[in-house]
Amino acid sequence: MDSRDLKSASNYVNNMLAGRGLLRDSPIDFSKPSQDGTAVRIINLVHDLVNRGDKDAEQRESLAFTIRTLRSNEAKNNSATEKLKLKIAELERKNSLLEAQSRTFNSTLRTHESTSKLLKDEASRLKTTLAQVRLQHANDLRKLGLLFLLS
């Protein structure tokens, strides 16, 4: 590989590492790896990359677990919501039925109250008529008794 290509590749890699925050101080000269400290810096960089990869993997696992848990909870909540919707619909039907029965019973009650009033009025008239008939009967009996005694 040409040394100029190696130098540009080294600059390219250093720019990428710097952009991701992986270079702690100055750029690493990959074109001359035999310099003092370059090997240590490369090892530290690789170590940091491995640690970052491990942290990213743990984070992905944690997020995947959280997503699975949330999906499970969502499914349970959806199931509970559907059950409640069915129960609400059933209770609304029962409520409508009971309201219709209530209207029917109220109508029947008004009819019976009206009939009861008519019957009470009729009973009152019959009592009055009966009292008049009794009085007339008593008068008639007295008249007959007087007529019978006079004859």
N, C-alpha and C. Protein backbone atom coordinates (compact mmCIF):
# COMPACT_ATOMS: atom_id res chain seq x y z
N MET A 1 0.85 -1.17 0.00
CA MET A 1 0.00 0.00 0.00
C MET A 1 0.89 1.23 0.00
N ASP A 2 0.52 2.20 -0.73
CA ASP A 2 1.26 3.45 -0.85
C ASP A 2 1.19 4.20 0.46
N SER A 3 2.28 4.88 0.85
CA SER A 3 2.32 5.60 2.13
C SER A 3 1.34 6.77 2.13
N ARG A 4 1.11 7.36 0.94
CA ARG A 4 0.15 8.47 0.86
C ARG A 4 -1.27 7.94 1.10
N ASP A 5 -1.59 6.77 0.55
CA ASP A 5 -2.90 6.16 0.78
C ASP A 5 -3.05 5.77 2.23
N LEU A 6 -1.98 5.28 2.81
CA LEU A 6 -2.00 4.90 4.23
C LEU A 6 -2.22 6.13 5.10
N LYS A 7 -1.60 7.25 4.74
CA LYS A 7 -1.76 8.50 5.51
C LYS A 7 -3.21 9.00 5.39
N SER A 8 -3.81 8.98 4.17
CA SER A 8 -5.20 9.43 4.02
C SER A 8 -6.15 8.50 4.74
N ALA A 9 -5.88 7.20 4.70
CA ALA A 9 -6.73 6.26 5.43
C ALA A 9 -6.62 6.52 6.92
N SER A 10 -5.41 6.81 7.39
CA SER A 10 -5.20 7.12 8.81
C SER A 10 -5.98 8.37 9.20
N ASN A 11 -5.94 9.40 8.37
CA ASN A 11 -6.70 10.64 8.64
C ASN A 11 -8.22 10.35 8.64
N TYR A 12 -8.65 9.55 7.66
CA TYR A 12 -10.08 9.21 7.56
C TYR A 12 -10.55 8.50 8.83
N VAL A 13 -9.79 7.50 9.27
CA VAL A 13 -10.15 6.74 10.48
C VAL A 13 -10.10 7.65 11.70
N ASN A 14 -9.11 8.52 11.81
CA ASN A 14 -9.02 9.45 12.94
C ASN A 14 -10.21 10.40 12.98
N ASN A 15 -10.63 10.87 11.80
CA ASN A 15 -11.79 11.76 11.74
C ASN A 15 -13.06 11.03 12.19
N MET A 16 -13.20 9.78 11.75
CA MET A 16 -14.37 9.00 12.17
C MET A 16 -14.36 8.76 13.68
N LEU A 17 -13.19 8.41 14.22
CA LEU A 17 -13.07 8.17 15.66
C LEU A 17 -13.33 9.44 16.46
N ALA A 18 -12.82 10.56 15.99
CA ALA A 18 -13.02 11.84 16.67
C ALA A 18 -14.50 12.23 16.62
N GLY A 19 -15.13 11.98 15.48
CA GLY A 19 -16.55 12.30 15.34
C GLY A 19 -17.43 11.51 16.30
N ARG A 20 -17.00 10.35 16.66
CA ARG A 20 -17.76 9.50 17.60
C ARG A 20 -17.28 9.65 19.05
N GLY A 21 -16.31 10.52 19.25
CA GLY A 21 -15.83 10.77 20.61
C GLY A 21 -14.93 9.68 21.16
N LEU A 22 -14.26 8.93 20.29
CA LEU A 22 -13.42 7.83 20.76
C LEU A 22 -11.95 8.20 20.93
N LEU A 23 -11.55 9.34 20.39
CA LEU A 23 -10.15 9.79 20.58
C LEU A 23 -10.09 10.69 21.81
N ARG A 24 -9.21 10.32 22.74
CA ARG A 24 -9.14 11.05 24.00
C ARG A 24 -8.32 12.33 23.89
N ASP A 25 -7.25 12.27 23.15
CA ASP A 25 -6.41 13.47 23.05
C ASP A 25 -6.07 13.78 21.60
N SER A 26 -4.97 13.27 21.09
CA SER A 26 -4.56 13.59 19.72
C SER A 26 -4.81 12.40 18.80
N PRO A 27 -4.82 12.63 17.47
CA PRO A 27 -5.04 11.54 16.53
C PRO A 27 -3.95 10.47 16.61
N ILE A 28 -4.33 9.25 16.22
CA ILE A 28 -3.38 8.13 16.19
C ILE A 28 -2.81 8.06 14.78
N ASP A 29 -1.48 7.92 14.71
CA ASP A 29 -0.84 7.82 13.40
C ASP A 29 -0.77 6.36 13.01
N PHE A 30 -1.79 5.90 12.25
CA PHE A 30 -1.84 4.50 11.82
C PHE A 30 -0.82 4.18 10.74
N SER A 31 -0.31 5.22 10.10
CA SER A 31 0.65 4.99 9.02
C SER A 31 2.02 4.59 9.55
N LYS A 32 2.32 4.90 10.81
CA LYS A 32 3.60 4.53 11.43
C LYS A 32 3.31 3.86 12.77
N PRO A 33 2.86 2.61 12.77
CA PRO A 33 2.47 1.96 14.01
C PRO A 33 3.64 1.61 14.92
N SER A 34 4.84 1.78 14.47
CA SER A 34 5.99 1.41 15.30
C SER A 34 6.40 2.50 16.26
N GLN A 35 5.77 3.67 16.19
CA GLN A 35 6.12 4.76 17.10
C GLN A 35 5.76 4.38 18.53
N ASP A 36 6.44 5.01 19.46
CA ASP A 36 6.18 4.74 20.88
C ASP A 36 4.77 5.17 21.26
N GLY A 37 4.09 4.30 21.95
CA GLY A 37 2.76 4.61 22.46
C GLY A 37 1.63 4.38 21.48
N THR A 38 1.94 4.23 20.19
CA THR A 38 0.88 4.03 19.20
C THR A 38 0.17 2.72 19.44
N ALA A 39 0.91 1.67 19.74
CA ALA A 39 0.30 0.36 19.98
C ALA A 39 -0.61 0.42 21.22
N VAL A 40 -0.15 1.11 22.26
CA VAL A 40 -0.96 1.23 23.49
C VAL A 40 -2.24 2.00 23.19
N ARG A 41 -2.13 3.07 22.42
CA ARG A 41 -3.31 3.85 22.08
C ARG A 41 -4.29 3.03 21.24
N ILE A 42 -3.76 2.21 20.33
CA ILE A 42 -4.62 1.37 19.50
C ILE A 42 -5.32 0.34 20.38
N ILE A 43 -4.59 -0.26 21.31
CA ILE A 43 -5.18 -1.25 22.22
C ILE A 43 -6.27 -0.59 23.06
N ASN A 44 -5.99 0.61 23.57
CA ASN A 44 -6.99 1.33 24.38
C ASN A 44 -8.23 1.66 23.54
N LEU A 45 -7.98 2.04 22.29
CA LEU A 45 -9.10 2.35 21.40
C LEU A 45 -9.94 1.10 21.14
N VAL A 46 -9.29 -0.02 20.86
CA VAL A 46 -10.02 -1.27 20.63
C VAL A 46 -10.78 -1.67 21.89
N HIS A 47 -10.14 -1.51 23.05
CA HIS A 47 -10.80 -1.82 24.33
C HIS A 47 -12.05 -0.95 24.51
N ASP A 48 -11.92 0.35 24.23
CA ASP A 48 -13.08 1.25 24.34
C ASP A 48 -14.19 0.83 23.37
N LEU A 49 -13.80 0.44 22.14
CA LEU A 49 -14.80 0.00 21.16
C LEU A 49 -15.51 -1.26 21.63
N VAL A 50 -14.77 -2.20 22.20
CA VAL A 50 -15.39 -3.43 22.69
C VAL A 50 -16.33 -3.12 23.85
N ASN A 51 -15.89 -2.26 24.78
CA ASN A 51 -16.75 -1.88 25.91
C ASN A 51 -18.01 -1.18 25.43
N ARG A 52 -17.85 -0.30 24.46
CA ARG A 52 -19.01 0.41 23.92
C ARG A 52 -19.96 -0.57 23.24
N GLY A 53 -19.41 -1.54 22.51
CA GLY A 53 -20.24 -2.57 21.87
C GLY A 53 -20.99 -3.39 22.91
N ASP A 54 -20.29 -3.74 24.02
CA ASP A 54 -20.96 -4.49 25.09
C ASP A 54 -22.10 -3.67 25.71
N LYS A 55 -21.80 -2.40 25.97
CA LYS A 55 -22.84 -1.53 26.55
C LYS A 55 -24.03 -1.40 25.60
N ASP A 56 -23.73 -1.26 24.30
CA ASP A 56 -24.81 -1.16 23.32
C ASP A 56 -25.63 -2.45 23.27
N ALA A 57 -24.96 -3.60 23.36
CA ALA A 57 -25.67 -4.88 23.35
C ALA A 57 -26.55 -5.01 24.59
N GLU A 58 -26.03 -4.61 25.76
CA GLU A 58 -26.84 -4.66 26.98
C GLU A 58 -28.05 -3.74 26.87
N GLN A 59 -27.80 -2.57 26.31
CA GLN A 59 -28.89 -1.61 26.14
C GLN A 59 -29.95 -2.16 25.19
N ARG A 60 -29.51 -2.78 24.09
CA ARG A 60 -30.46 -3.38 23.14
C ARG A 60 -31.27 -4.48 23.82
N GLU A 61 -30.59 -5.32 24.62
CA GLU A 61 -31.30 -6.39 25.34
C GLU A 61 -32.32 -5.80 26.31
N SER A 62 -31.90 -4.78 27.02
CA SER A 62 -32.81 -4.14 27.98
C SER A 62 -34.01 -3.53 27.26
N LEU A 63 -33.76 -2.86 26.15
CA LEU A 63 -34.85 -2.27 25.38
C LEU A 63 -35.76 -3.34 24.79
N ALA A 64 -35.18 -4.44 24.32
CA ALA A 64 -35.99 -5.53 23.76
C ALA A 64 -36.88 -6.13 24.86
N PHE A 65 -36.31 -6.31 26.05
CA PHE A 65 -37.10 -6.84 27.17
C PHE A 65 -38.23 -5.87 27.54
N THR A 66 -37.90 -4.59 27.58
CA THR A 66 -38.91 -3.57 27.90
C THR A 66 -40.02 -3.57 26.85
N ILE A 67 -39.64 -3.69 25.59
CA ILE A 67 -40.64 -3.70 24.51
C ILE A 67 -41.53 -4.94 24.63
N ARG A 68 -40.92 -6.10 24.92
CA ARG A 68 -41.72 -7.32 25.09
C ARG A 68 -42.69 -7.17 26.27
N THR A 69 -42.18 -6.61 27.36
CA THR A 69 -43.04 -6.40 28.54
C THR A 69 -44.18 -5.45 28.21
N LEU A 70 -43.87 -4.36 27.52
CA LEU A 70 -44.90 -3.39 27.16
C LEU A 70 -45.92 -3.99 26.20
N ARG A 71 -45.47 -4.81 25.28
CA ARG A 71 -46.41 -5.45 24.35
C ARG A 71 -47.31 -6.43 25.09
N SER A 72 -46.72 -7.16 26.04
CA SER A 72 -47.52 -8.09 26.84
C SER A 72 -48.56 -7.33 27.65
N ASN A 73 -48.13 -6.25 28.28
CA ASN A 73 -49.07 -5.42 29.06
C ASN A 73 -50.15 -4.83 28.16
N GLU A 74 -49.75 -4.41 26.97
CA GLU A 74 -50.72 -3.85 26.03
C GLU A 74 -51.77 -4.90 25.64
N ALA A 75 -51.29 -6.13 25.40
CA ALA A 75 -52.22 -7.20 25.03
C ALA A 75 -53.19 -7.48 26.19
N LYS A 76 -52.67 -7.51 27.42
CA LYS A 76 -53.54 -7.73 28.58
C LYS A 76 -54.54 -6.59 28.72
N ASN A 77 -54.06 -5.38 28.56
CA ASN A 77 -54.95 -4.22 28.68
C ASN A 77 -56.01 -4.22 27.58
N ASN A 78 -55.61 -4.59 26.36
CA ASN A 78 -56.58 -4.65 25.27
C ASN A 78 -57.64 -5.71 25.55
N SER A 79 -57.19 -6.85 26.09
CA SER A 79 -58.13 -7.93 26.43
C SER A 79 -59.10 -7.45 27.51
N ALA A 80 -58.56 -6.81 28.54
CA ALA A 80 -59.42 -6.30 29.62
C ALA A 80 -60.38 -5.24 29.09
N THR A 81 -59.90 -4.39 28.19
CA THR A 81 -60.75 -3.35 27.61
C THR A 81 -61.89 -3.98 26.81
N GLU A 82 -61.59 -5.00 26.04
CA GLU A 82 -62.63 -5.68 25.25
C GLU A 82 -63.67 -6.31 26.17
N LYS A 83 -63.20 -6.95 27.25
CA LYS A 83 -64.14 -7.55 28.20
C LYS A 83 -65.04 -6.49 28.81
N LEU A 84 -64.44 -5.36 29.17
CA LEU A 84 -65.23 -4.27 29.76
C LEU A 84 -66.22 -3.69 28.74
N LYS A 85 -65.81 -3.60 27.49
CA LYS A 85 -66.72 -3.10 26.45
C LYS A 85 -67.91 -4.03 26.30
N LEU A 86 -67.64 -5.35 26.31
CA LEU A 86 -68.73 -6.31 26.21
C LEU A 86 -69.66 -6.20 27.42
N LYS A 87 -69.08 -6.04 28.60
CA LYS A 87 -69.88 -5.92 29.81
C LYS A 87 -70.72 -4.64 29.77
N ILE A 88 -70.14 -3.56 29.29
CA ILE A 88 -70.88 -2.30 29.16
C ILE A 88 -72.06 -2.48 28.20
N ALA A 89 -71.80 -3.12 27.07
CA ALA A 89 -72.88 -3.34 26.10
C ALA A 89 -73.99 -4.18 26.71
N GLU A 90 -73.62 -5.21 27.46
CA GLU A 90 -74.62 -6.06 28.12
C GLU A 90 -75.42 -5.26 29.15
N LEU A 91 -74.72 -4.46 29.93
CA LEU A 91 -75.40 -3.65 30.95
C LEU A 91 -76.30 -2.59 30.30
N GLU A 92 -75.88 -2.05 29.16
CA GLU A 92 -76.72 -1.08 28.46
C GLU A 92 -77.99 -1.74 27.95
N ARG A 93 -77.86 -2.99 27.44
CA ARG A 93 -79.06 -3.72 27.00
C ARG A 93 -79.99 -3.97 28.18
N LYS A 94 -79.43 -4.42 29.30
CA LYS A 94 -80.24 -4.67 30.48
C LYS A 94 -80.91 -3.38 30.96
N ASN A 95 -80.17 -2.29 30.92
CA ASN A 95 -80.70 -0.99 31.34
C ASN A 95 -81.86 -0.58 30.45
N SER A 96 -81.71 -0.75 29.14
CA SER A 96 -82.79 -0.41 28.21
C SER A 96 -84.02 -1.26 28.49
N LEU A 97 -83.81 -2.54 28.74
CA LEU A 97 -84.92 -3.44 29.05
C LEU A 97 -85.62 -3.00 30.34
N LEU A 98 -84.82 -2.67 31.35
CA LEU A 98 -85.41 -2.25 32.62
C LEU A 98 -86.14 -0.91 32.48
N GLU A 99 -85.62 -0.01 31.67
CA GLU A 99 -86.31 1.26 31.44
C GLU A 99 -87.64 1.03 30.74
N ALA A 100 -87.66 0.13 29.77
CA ALA A 100 -88.91 -0.19 29.07
C ALA A 100 -89.91 -0.81 30.04
N GLN A 101 -89.43 -1.73 30.89
CA GLN A 101 -90.32 -2.33 31.89
C GLN A 101 -90.85 -1.27 32.85
N SER A 102 -89.99 -0.35 33.24
CA SER A 102 -90.40 0.72 34.15
C SER A 102 -91.50 1.57 33.51
N ARG A 103 -91.31 1.92 32.24
CA ARG A 103 -92.35 2.70 31.55
C ARG A 103 -93.66 1.91 31.49
N THR A 104 -93.56 0.61 31.21
CA THR A 104 -94.76 -0.23 31.15
C THR A 104 -95.43 -0.29 32.51
N PHE A 105 -94.64 -0.51 33.55
CA PHE A 105 -95.20 -0.58 34.90
C PHE A 105 -95.84 0.74 35.31
N ASN A 106 -95.20 1.85 34.96
CA ASN A 106 -95.77 3.16 35.30
C ASN A 106 -97.09 3.37 34.56
N SER A 107 -97.13 2.97 33.31
CA SER A 107 -98.36 3.09 32.54
C SER A 107 -99.46 2.23 33.16
N THR A 108 -99.11 1.00 33.50
CA THR A 108 -100.07 0.09 34.14
C THR A 108 -100.52 0.65 35.48
N LEU A 109 -99.59 1.21 36.23
CA LEU A 109 -99.93 1.81 37.53
C LEU A 109 -100.92 2.96 37.35
N ARG A 110 -100.67 3.83 36.37
CA ARG A 110 -101.61 4.94 36.13
C ARG A 110 -102.99 4.40 35.75
N THR A 111 -103.01 3.36 34.92
CA THR A 111 -104.29 2.76 34.52
C THR A 111 -105.01 2.20 35.73
N HIS A 112 -104.28 1.48 36.58
CA HIS A 112 -104.90 0.90 37.78
C HIS A 112 -105.34 1.98 38.77
N GLU A 113 -104.55 3.04 38.88
CA GLU A 113 -104.95 4.13 39.76
C GLU A 113 -106.24 4.78 39.25
N SER A 114 -106.31 4.98 37.94
CA SER A 114 -107.51 5.55 37.33
C SER A 114 -108.71 4.63 37.57
N THR A 115 -108.52 3.34 37.35
CA THR A 115 -109.59 2.36 37.56
C THR A 115 -110.00 2.35 39.02
N SER A 116 -109.02 2.40 39.92
CA SER A 116 -109.30 2.42 41.36
C SER A 116 -110.13 3.64 41.73
N LYS A 117 -109.79 4.80 41.16
CA LYS A 117 -110.55 6.02 41.46
C LYS A 117 -111.99 5.88 40.96
N LEU A 118 -112.13 5.33 39.74
CA LEU A 118 -113.47 5.13 39.20
C LEU A 118 -114.28 4.18 40.09
N LEU A 119 -113.63 3.10 40.54
CA LEU A 119 -114.32 2.14 41.40
C LEU A 119 -114.67 2.75 42.76
N LYS A 120 -113.80 3.58 43.30
CA LYS A 120 -114.11 4.25 44.57
C LYS A 120 -115.30 5.20 44.40
N ASP A 121 -115.28 5.94 43.28
CA ASP A 121 -116.40 6.84 43.01
C ASP A 121 -117.70 6.04 42.86
N GLU A 122 -117.61 4.92 42.14
CA GLU A 122 -118.78 4.07 41.94
C GLU A 122 -119.26 3.51 43.29
N ALA A 123 -118.33 3.09 44.14
CA ALA A 123 -118.68 2.56 45.46
C ALA A 123 -119.35 3.64 46.29
N SER A 124 -118.84 4.86 46.20
CA SER A 124 -119.43 5.98 46.95
C SER A 124 -120.85 6.24 46.46
N ARG A 125 -121.04 6.25 45.13
CA ARG A 125 -122.39 6.44 44.58
C ARG A 125 -123.33 5.32 45.02
N LEU A 126 -122.81 4.06 44.99
CA LEU A 126 -123.64 2.93 45.41
C LEU A 126 -124.01 3.02 46.89
N LYS A 127 -123.10 3.48 47.72
CA LYS A 127 -123.38 3.65 49.15
C LYS A 127 -124.47 4.70 49.34
N THR A 128 -124.32 5.80 48.57
CA THR A 128 -125.34 6.85 48.66
C THR A 128 -126.68 6.32 48.19
N THR A 129 -126.69 5.60 47.08
CA THR A 129 -127.94 5.04 46.55
C THR A 129 -128.51 4.03 47.54
N LEU A 130 -127.66 3.20 48.14
CA LEU A 130 -128.10 2.21 49.12
C LEU A 130 -128.71 2.90 50.34
N ALA A 131 -128.08 3.97 50.76
CA ALA A 131 -128.61 4.70 51.91
C ALA A 131 -129.99 5.28 51.57
N GLN A 132 -130.11 5.81 50.34
CA GLN A 132 -131.39 6.36 49.92
C GLN A 132 -132.44 5.26 49.82
N VAL A 133 -132.04 4.09 49.28
CA VAL A 133 -132.99 2.98 49.15
C VAL A 133 -133.41 2.51 50.54
N ARG A 134 -132.51 2.41 51.46
CA ARG A 134 -132.83 1.99 52.83
C ARG A 134 -133.80 2.99 53.47
N LEU A 135 -133.49 4.26 53.28
CA LEU A 135 -134.36 5.29 53.86
C LEU A 135 -135.76 5.21 53.23
N GLN A 136 -135.77 5.04 51.92
CA GLN A 136 -137.06 4.92 51.24
C GLN A 136 -137.78 3.67 51.70
N HIS A 137 -137.05 2.58 51.86
CA HIS A 137 -137.64 1.33 52.32
C HIS A 137 -138.21 1.50 53.73
N ALA A 138 -137.46 2.16 54.59
CA ALA A 138 -137.94 2.39 55.96
C ALA A 138 -139.19 3.25 55.94
N ASN A 139 -139.19 4.25 55.09
CA ASN A 139 -140.38 5.10 54.98
C ASN A 139 -141.57 4.30 54.45
N ASP A 140 -141.28 3.47 53.45
CA ASP A 140 -142.35 2.65 52.88
C ASP A 140 -142.89 1.68 53.93
N LEU A 141 -141.99 1.10 54.72
CA LEU A 141 -142.44 0.17 55.77
C LEU A 141 -143.29 0.91 56.81
N ARG A 142 -142.91 2.10 57.15
CA ARG A 142 -143.70 2.87 58.11
C ARG A 142 -145.08 3.20 57.54
N LYS A 143 -145.11 3.57 56.28
CA LYS A 143 -146.38 3.87 55.64
C LYS A 143 -147.24 2.63 55.59
N LEU A 144 -146.64 1.49 55.25
CA LEU A 144 -147.41 0.25 55.20
C LEU A 144 -147.88 -0.13 56.61
N GLY A 145 -147.02 0.05 57.57
CA GLY A 145 -147.38 -0.28 58.95
C GLY A 145 -148.51 0.61 59.42
N LEU A 146 -148.52 1.85 59.07
CA LEU A 146 -149.62 2.76 59.43
C LEU A 146 -150.86 2.39 58.68
N LEU A 147 -150.72 2.08 57.44
CA LEU A 147 -151.87 1.70 56.65
C LEU A 147 -152.43 0.36 57.15
N PHE A 148 -151.57 -0.52 57.51
CA PHE A 148 -152.03 -1.81 58.00
C PHE A 148 -152.71 -1.66 59.35
N LEU A 149 -152.22 -0.77 60.16
CA LEU A 149 -152.84 -0.54 61.46
C LEU A 149 -154.16 0.22 61.31
N LEU A 150 -154.27 1.05 60.39
CA LEU A 150 -155.49 1.80 60.17
C LEU A 150 -156.56 0.92 59.53
N SER A 151 -156.23 -0.06 58.86
CA SER A 151 -157.23 -0.85 58.20
C SER A 151 -157.83 -1.87 59.08
